[in-house]
């Protein structure tokens, strides 16, 4: 399995591990989609000094499921 095949499988829920591979793929392979000051970011005005899986995964997951900005 190539890295591309693994990413596609994990992002399309084809790996039966309770969503762990999906969460790991999103956290480690998707950069923050927001610029500083973007109010849509979950960390906006939260005083977080560094990104963490606990804070960033839900934000990235939400972004992946949003319509594309035009």
PDB file of N, CA and C in Angstrom:
ATOM      1  N   UNK A   1       0.853  -1.177   0.000  1.00  0.00           N
ATOM      2  CA  UNK A   1       0.000   0.000   0.000  1.00  0.00           C
ATOM      3  C   UNK A   1       0.893   1.233   0.000  1.00  0.00           C
ATOM      4  N   UNK A   2       0.621   2.145  -0.900  1.00  0.00           N
ATOM      5  CA  UNK A   2       1.388   3.391  -0.951  1.00  0.00           C
ATOM      6  C   UNK A   2       0.857   4.369   0.088  1.00  0.00           C
ATOM      7  N   UNK A   3       1.618   5.427   0.325  1.00  0.00           N
ATOM      8  CA  UNK A   3       1.152   6.466   1.243  1.00  0.00           C
ATOM      9  C   UNK A   3      -0.144   7.090   0.745  1.00  0.00           C
ATOM     10  N   UNK A   4      -0.242   7.295  -0.562  1.00  0.00           N
ATOM     11  CA  UNK A   4      -1.462   7.855  -1.151  1.00  0.00           C
ATOM     12  C   UNK A   4      -2.644   6.930  -0.904  1.00  0.00           C
ATOM     13  N   UNK A   5      -2.458   5.648  -1.134  1.00  0.00           N
ATOM     14  CA  UNK A   5      -3.540   4.685  -0.912  1.00  0.00           C
ATOM     15  C   UNK A   5      -3.966   4.660   0.553  1.00  0.00           C
ATOM     16  N   UNK A   6      -2.977   4.723   1.456  1.00  0.00           N
ATOM     17  CA  UNK A   6      -3.291   4.735   2.891  1.00  0.00           C
ATOM     18  C   UNK A   6      -4.089   5.980   3.265  1.00  0.00           C
ATOM     19  N   UNK A   7      -3.664   7.142   2.766  1.00  0.00           N
ATOM     20  CA  UNK A   7      -4.369   8.385   3.091  1.00  0.00           C
ATOM     21  C   UNK A   7      -5.808   8.338   2.570  1.00  0.00           C
ATOM     22  N   UNK A   8      -5.987   7.865   1.352  1.00  0.00           N
ATOM     23  CA  UNK A   8      -7.334   7.778   0.787  1.00  0.00           C
ATOM     24  C   UNK A   8      -8.185   6.809   1.606  1.00  0.00           C
ATOM     25  N   UNK A   9      -7.625   5.664   1.951  1.00  0.00           N
ATOM     26  CA  UNK A   9      -8.364   4.674   2.735  1.00  0.00           C
ATOM     27  C   UNK A   9      -8.742   5.207   4.111  1.00  0.00           C
ATOM     28  N   UNK A  10      -7.824   5.890   4.761  1.00  0.00           N
ATOM     29  CA  UNK A  10      -8.126   6.387   6.104  1.00  0.00           C
ATOM     30  C   UNK A  10      -9.111   7.550   6.067  1.00  0.00           C
ATOM     31  N   UNK A  11      -8.987   8.433   5.079  1.00  0.00           N
ATOM     32  CA  UNK A  11      -9.897   9.579   4.990  1.00  0.00           C
ATOM     33  C   UNK A  11     -11.284   9.198   4.501  1.00  0.00           C
ATOM     34  N   UNK A  12     -11.413   8.047   3.854  1.00  0.00           N
ATOM     35  CA  UNK A  12     -12.728   7.598   3.383  1.00  0.00           C
ATOM     36  C   UNK A  12     -13.270   6.469   4.249  1.00  0.00           C
ATOM     37  N   UNK A  13     -12.692   6.311   5.433  1.00  0.00           N
ATOM     38  CA  UNK A  13     -13.178   5.368   6.449  1.00  0.00           C
ATOM     39  C   UNK A  13     -13.174   3.917   5.978  1.00  0.00           C
ATOM     40  N   UNK A  14     -12.173   3.546   5.211  1.00  0.00           N
ATOM     41  CA  UNK A  14     -12.056   2.169   4.732  1.00  0.00           C
ATOM     42  C   UNK A  14     -11.183   1.313   5.645  1.00  0.00           C
ATOM     43  N   UNK A  15     -10.626   1.896   6.685  1.00  0.00           N
ATOM     44  CA  UNK A  15      -9.798   1.164   7.641  1.00  0.00           C
ATOM     45  C   UNK A  15     -10.616   1.004   8.916  1.00  0.00           C
ATOM     46  N   UNK A  16     -10.823  -0.231   9.328  1.00  0.00           N
ATOM     47  CA  UNK A  16     -11.684  -0.532  10.476  1.00  0.00           C
ATOM     48  C   UNK A  16     -10.876  -0.503  11.777  1.00  0.00           C
ATOM     49  N   UNK A  17     -10.681   0.695  12.309  1.00  0.00           N
ATOM     50  CA  UNK A  17      -9.947   0.830  13.572  1.00  0.00           C
ATOM     51  C   UNK A  17     -10.601   1.859  14.487  1.00  0.00           C
ATOM     52  N   UNK A  18     -11.885   2.050  14.310  1.00  0.00           N
ATOM     53  CA  UNK A  18     -12.617   2.977  15.169  1.00  0.00           C
ATOM     54  C   UNK A  18     -12.322   4.440  14.899  1.00  0.00           C
ATOM     55  N   UNK A  19     -11.774   4.748  13.744  1.00  0.00           N
ATOM     56  CA  UNK A  19     -11.494   6.133  13.384  1.00  0.00           C
ATOM     57  C   UNK A  19     -10.122   6.631  13.782  1.00  0.00           C
ATOM     58  N   UNK A  20      -9.301   5.766  14.385  1.00  0.00           N
ATOM     59  CA  UNK A  20      -7.969   6.189  14.837  1.00  0.00           C
ATOM     60  C   UNK A  20      -7.076   6.599  13.671  1.00  0.00           C
ATOM     61  N   UNK A  21      -7.113   5.848  12.577  1.00  0.00           N
ATOM     62  CA  UNK A  21      -6.256   6.200  11.432  1.00  0.00           C
ATOM     63  C   UNK A  21      -6.732   7.491  10.786  1.00  0.00           C
ATOM     64  N   UNK A  22      -8.042   7.717  10.742  1.00  0.00           N
ATOM     65  CA  UNK A  22      -8.586   8.969  10.202  1.00  0.00           C
ATOM     66  C   UNK A  22      -8.082  10.147  11.025  1.00  0.00           C
ATOM     67  N   UNK A  23      -8.215  10.041  12.347  1.00  0.00           N
ATOM     68  CA  UNK A  23      -7.782  11.132  13.217  1.00  0.00           C
ATOM     69  C   UNK A  23      -6.289  11.393  13.081  1.00  0.00           C
ATOM     70  N   UNK A  24      -5.486  10.341  13.046  1.00  0.00           N
ATOM     71  CA  UNK A  24      -4.036  10.506  12.918  1.00  0.00           C
ATOM     72  C   UNK A  24      -3.671  11.115  11.570  1.00  0.00           C
ATOM     73  N   UNK A  25      -4.310  10.664  10.501  1.00  0.00           N
ATOM     74  CA  UNK A  25      -4.020  11.202   9.173  1.00  0.00           C
ATOM     75  C   UNK A  25      -4.357  12.684   9.108  1.00  0.00           C
ATOM     76  N   UNK A  26      -5.500  13.064   9.636  1.00  0.00           N
ATOM     77  CA  UNK A  26      -5.900  14.469   9.630  1.00  0.00           C
ATOM     78  C   UNK A  26      -4.933  15.291  10.472  1.00  0.00           C
ATOM     79  N   UNK A  27      -4.634  14.828  11.662  1.00  0.00           N
ATOM     80  CA  UNK A  27      -3.775  15.606  12.556  1.00  0.00           C
ATOM     81  C   UNK A  27      -2.362  15.784  11.994  1.00  0.00           C
ATOM     82  N   UNK A  28      -1.769  14.713  11.506  1.00  0.00           N
ATOM     83  CA  UNK A  28      -0.366  14.778  11.086  1.00  0.00           C
ATOM     84  C   UNK A  28      -0.148  15.224   9.648  1.00  0.00           C
ATOM     85  N   UNK A  29      -1.168  15.162   8.794  1.00  0.00           N
ATOM     86  CA  UNK A  29      -0.963  15.440   7.376  1.00  0.00           C
ATOM     87  C   UNK A  29      -1.739  16.630   6.831  1.00  0.00           C
ATOM     88  N   UNK A  30      -2.598  17.218   7.632  1.00  0.00           N
ATOM     89  CA  UNK A  30      -3.347  18.396   7.191  1.00  0.00           C
ATOM     90  C   UNK A  30      -2.853  19.583   8.011  1.00  0.00           C
ATOM     91  N   UNK A  31      -2.278  20.560   7.336  1.00  0.00           N
ATOM     92  CA  UNK A  31      -1.843  21.776   8.025  1.00  0.00           C
ATOM     93  C   UNK A  31      -3.058  22.609   8.410  1.00  0.00           C
ATOM     94  N   UNK A  32      -2.860  23.509   9.331  1.00  0.00           N
ATOM     95  CA  UNK A  32      -3.941  24.395   9.730  1.00  0.00           C
ATOM     96  C   UNK A  32      -4.450  25.154   8.503  1.00  0.00           C
ATOM     97  N   UNK A  33      -5.750  25.094   8.254  1.00  0.00           N
ATOM     98  CA  UNK A  33      -6.305  25.744   7.068  1.00  0.00           C
ATOM     99  C   UNK A  33      -6.584  27.236   7.248  1.00  0.00           C
ATOM    100  N   UNK A  34      -6.325  27.775   8.436  1.00  0.00           N
ATOM    101  CA  UNK A  34      -6.684  29.162   8.715  1.00  0.00           C
ATOM    102  C   UNK A  34      -5.456  30.042   8.908  1.00  0.00           C
ATOM    103  N   UNK A  35      -5.625  31.298   8.582  1.00  0.00           N
ATOM    104  CA  UNK A  35      -4.595  32.294   8.840  1.00  0.00           C
ATOM    105  C   UNK A  35      -4.825  32.883  10.225  1.00  0.00           C
ATOM    106  N   UNK A  36      -3.803  33.475  10.781  1.00  0.00           N
ATOM    107  CA  UNK A  36      -3.916  34.109  12.092  1.00  0.00           C
ATOM    108  C   UNK A  36      -5.034  35.140  12.068  1.00  0.00           C
ATOM    109  N   UNK A  37      -5.871  35.105  13.069  1.00  0.00           N
ATOM    110  CA  UNK A  37      -6.956  36.063  13.168  1.00  0.00           C
ATOM    111  C   UNK A  37      -8.266  35.591  12.547  1.00  0.00           C
ATOM    112  N   UNK A  38      -8.273  34.403  11.941  1.00  0.00           N
ATOM    113  CA  UNK A  38      -9.499  33.872  11.344  1.00  0.00           C
ATOM    114  C   UNK A  38     -10.400  33.345  12.463  1.00  0.00           C
ATOM    115  N   UNK A  39     -11.553  33.923  12.604  1.00  0.00           N
ATOM    116  CA  UNK A  39     -12.463  33.591  13.698  1.00  0.00           C
ATOM    117  C   UNK A  39     -13.036  32.177  13.596  1.00  0.00           C
ATOM    118  N   UNK A  40     -12.919  31.535  12.431  1.00  0.00           N
ATOM    119  CA  UNK A  40     -13.417  30.161  12.289  1.00  0.00           C
ATOM    120  C   UNK A  40     -12.519  29.140  12.967  1.00  0.00           C
ATOM    121  N   UNK A  41     -11.259  29.506  13.207  1.00  0.00           N
ATOM    122  CA  UNK A  41     -10.325  28.591  13.865  1.00  0.00           C
ATOM    123  C   UNK A  41     -10.763  28.370  15.309  1.00  0.00           C
ATOM    124  N   UNK A  42     -10.724  27.134  15.750  1.00  0.00           N
ATOM    125  CA  UNK A  42     -11.154  26.826  17.125  1.00  0.00           C
ATOM    126  C   UNK A  42     -10.237  27.451  18.163  1.00  0.00           C
ATOM    127  N   UNK A  43      -9.010  27.762  17.783  1.00  0.00           N
ATOM    128  CA  UNK A  43      -8.067  28.348  18.737  1.00  0.00           C
ATOM    129  C   UNK A  43      -8.132  29.876  18.761  1.00  0.00           C
ATOM    130  N   UNK A  44      -8.970  30.476  17.936  1.00  0.00           N
ATOM    131  CA  UNK A  44      -9.065  31.931  17.860  1.00  0.00           C
ATOM    132  C   UNK A  44      -9.378  32.516  19.238  1.00  0.00           C
ATOM    133  N   UNK A  45      -8.523  33.419  19.701  1.00  0.00           N
ATOM    134  CA  UNK A  45      -8.674  34.105  20.998  1.00  0.00           C
ATOM    135  C   UNK A  45      -8.781  33.161  22.192  1.00  0.00           C
ATOM    136  N   UNK A  46      -8.128  32.006  22.099  1.00  0.00           N
ATOM    137  CA  UNK A  46      -8.154  31.055  23.219  1.00  0.00           C
ATOM    138  C   UNK A  46      -6.853  31.097  24.022  1.00  0.00           C
ATOM    139  N   UNK A  47      -5.854  31.831  23.549  1.00  0.00           N
ATOM    140  CA  UNK A  47      -4.595  31.947  24.275  1.00  0.00           C
ATOM    141  C   UNK A  47      -3.753  30.685  24.233  1.00  0.00           C
ATOM    142  N   UNK A  48      -3.914  29.861  23.203  1.00  0.00           N
ATOM    143  CA  UNK A  48      -3.127  28.637  23.100  1.00  0.00           C
ATOM    144  C   UNK A  48      -1.744  28.967  22.551  1.00  0.00           C
ATOM    145  N   UNK A  49      -0.714  28.481  23.216  1.00  0.00           N
ATOM    146  CA  UNK A  49       0.664  28.755  22.806  1.00  0.00           C
ATOM    147  C   UNK A  49       1.147  27.822  21.702  1.00  0.00           C
ATOM    148  N   UNK A  50       0.563  26.649  21.600  1.00  0.00           N
ATOM    149  CA  UNK A  50       1.029  25.673  20.617  1.00  0.00           C
ATOM    150  C   UNK A  50      -0.153  24.801  20.167  1.00  0.00           C
ATOM    151  N   UNK A  51      -0.080  24.283  18.961  1.00  0.00           N
ATOM    152  CA  UNK A  51      -1.150  23.409  18.491  1.00  0.00           C
ATOM    153  C   UNK A  51      -1.033  22.027  19.140  1.00  0.00           C
ATOM    154  N   UNK A  52      -2.150  21.396  19.360  1.00  0.00           N
ATOM    155  CA  UNK A  52      -2.146  20.036  19.896  1.00  0.00           C
ATOM    156  C   UNK A  52      -3.232  19.230  19.186  1.00  0.00           C
ATOM    157  N   UNK A  53      -3.086  17.936  19.229  1.00  0.00           N
ATOM    158  CA  UNK A  53      -4.065  17.053  18.591  1.00  0.00           C
ATOM    159  C   UNK A  53      -5.456  17.290  19.174  1.00  0.00           C
ATOM    160  N   UNK A  54      -5.526  17.468  20.474  1.00  0.00           N
ATOM    161  CA  UNK A  54      -6.803  17.679  21.152  1.00  0.00           C
ATOM    162  C   UNK A  54      -7.512  18.938  20.650  1.00  0.00           C
ATOM    163  N   UNK A  55      -6.755  19.989  20.384  1.00  0.00           N
ATOM    164  CA  UNK A  55      -7.347  21.247  19.922  1.00  0.00           C
ATOM    165  C   UNK A  55      -7.527  21.298  18.411  1.00  0.00           C
ATOM    166  N   UNK A  56      -6.561  20.743  17.681  1.00  0.00           N
ATOM    167  CA  UNK A  56      -6.554  20.919  16.228  1.00  0.00           C
ATOM    168  C   UNK A  56      -7.380  19.906  15.460  1.00  0.00           C
ATOM    169  N   UNK A  57      -7.435  18.652  15.904  1.00  0.00           N
ATOM    170  CA  UNK A  57      -8.179  17.656  15.124  1.00  0.00           C
ATOM    171  C   UNK A  57      -9.632  18.053  14.909  1.00  0.00           C
ATOM    172  N   UNK A  58     -10.385  18.450  15.951  1.00  0.00           N
ATOM    173  CA  UNK A  58     -11.789  18.820  15.708  1.00  0.00           C
ATOM    174  C   UNK A  58     -11.929  19.987  14.723  1.00  0.00           C
ATOM    175  N   UNK A  59     -11.014  20.921  14.772  1.00  0.00           N
ATOM    176  CA  UNK A  59     -11.048  22.077  13.880  1.00  0.00           C
ATOM    177  C   UNK A  59     -10.781  21.656  12.435  1.00  0.00           C
ATOM    178  N   UNK A  60      -9.759  20.834  12.236  1.00  0.00           N
ATOM    179  CA  UNK A  60      -9.421  20.360  10.895  1.00  0.00           C
ATOM    180  C   UNK A  60     -10.532  19.472  10.344  1.00  0.00           C
ATOM    181  N   UNK A  61     -11.105  18.625  11.197  1.00  0.00           N
ATOM    182  CA  UNK A  61     -12.210  17.755  10.779  1.00  0.00           C
ATOM    183  C   UNK A  61     -13.400  18.600  10.312  1.00  0.00           C
ATOM    184  N   UNK A  62     -13.713  19.624  11.073  1.00  0.00           N
ATOM    185  CA  UNK A  62     -14.812  20.533  10.700  1.00  0.00           C
ATOM    186  C   UNK A  62     -14.508  21.210   9.364  1.00  0.00           C
ATOM    187  N   UNK A  63     -13.266  21.671   9.183  1.00  0.00           N
ATOM    188  CA  UNK A  63     -12.877  22.334   7.934  1.00  0.00           C
ATOM    189  C   UNK A  63     -13.002  21.382   6.753  1.00  0.00           C
ATOM    190  N   UNK A  64     -12.574  20.131   6.910  1.00  0.00           N
ATOM    191  CA  UNK A  64     -12.654  19.163   5.823  1.00  0.00           C
ATOM    192  C   UNK A  64     -14.095  18.946   5.366  1.00  0.00           C
ATOM    193  N   UNK A  65     -15.046  19.100   6.262  1.00  0.00           N
ATOM    194  CA  UNK A  65     -16.443  18.850   5.939  1.00  0.00           C
ATOM    195  C   UNK A  65     -17.216  20.105   5.543  1.00  0.00           C
ATOM    196  N   UNK A  66     -16.539  21.243   5.463  1.00  0.00           N
ATOM    197  CA  UNK A  66     -17.168  22.491   5.034  1.00  0.00           C
ATOM    198  C   UNK A  66     -17.114  22.611   3.523  1.00  0.00           C
ATOM    199  N   UNK A  67     -17.972  23.444   2.983  1.00  0.00           N
ATOM    200  CA  UNK A  67     -17.918  23.771   1.565  1.00  0.00           C
ATOM    201  C   UNK A  67     -16.651  24.576   1.291  1.00  0.00           C
ATOM    202  N   UNK A  68     -16.122  24.474   0.106  1.00  0.00           N
ATOM    203  CA  UNK A  68     -14.900  25.192  -0.285  1.00  0.00           C
ATOM    204  C   UNK A  68     -15.169  26.694  -0.305  1.00  0.00           C
ATOM    205  N   UNK A  69     -14.231  27.465   0.264  1.00  0.00           N
ATOM    206  CA  UNK A  69     -14.325  28.924   0.185  1.00  0.00           C
ATOM    207  C   UNK A  69     -14.106  29.347  -1.256  1.00  0.00           C
ATOM    208  N   UNK A  70     -14.904  30.286  -1.714  1.00  0.00           N
ATOM    209  CA  UNK A  70     -14.734  30.751  -3.092  1.00  0.00           C
ATOM    210  C   UNK A  70     -14.148  32.129  -3.145  1.00  0.00           C
TER     211      UNK A  70
END
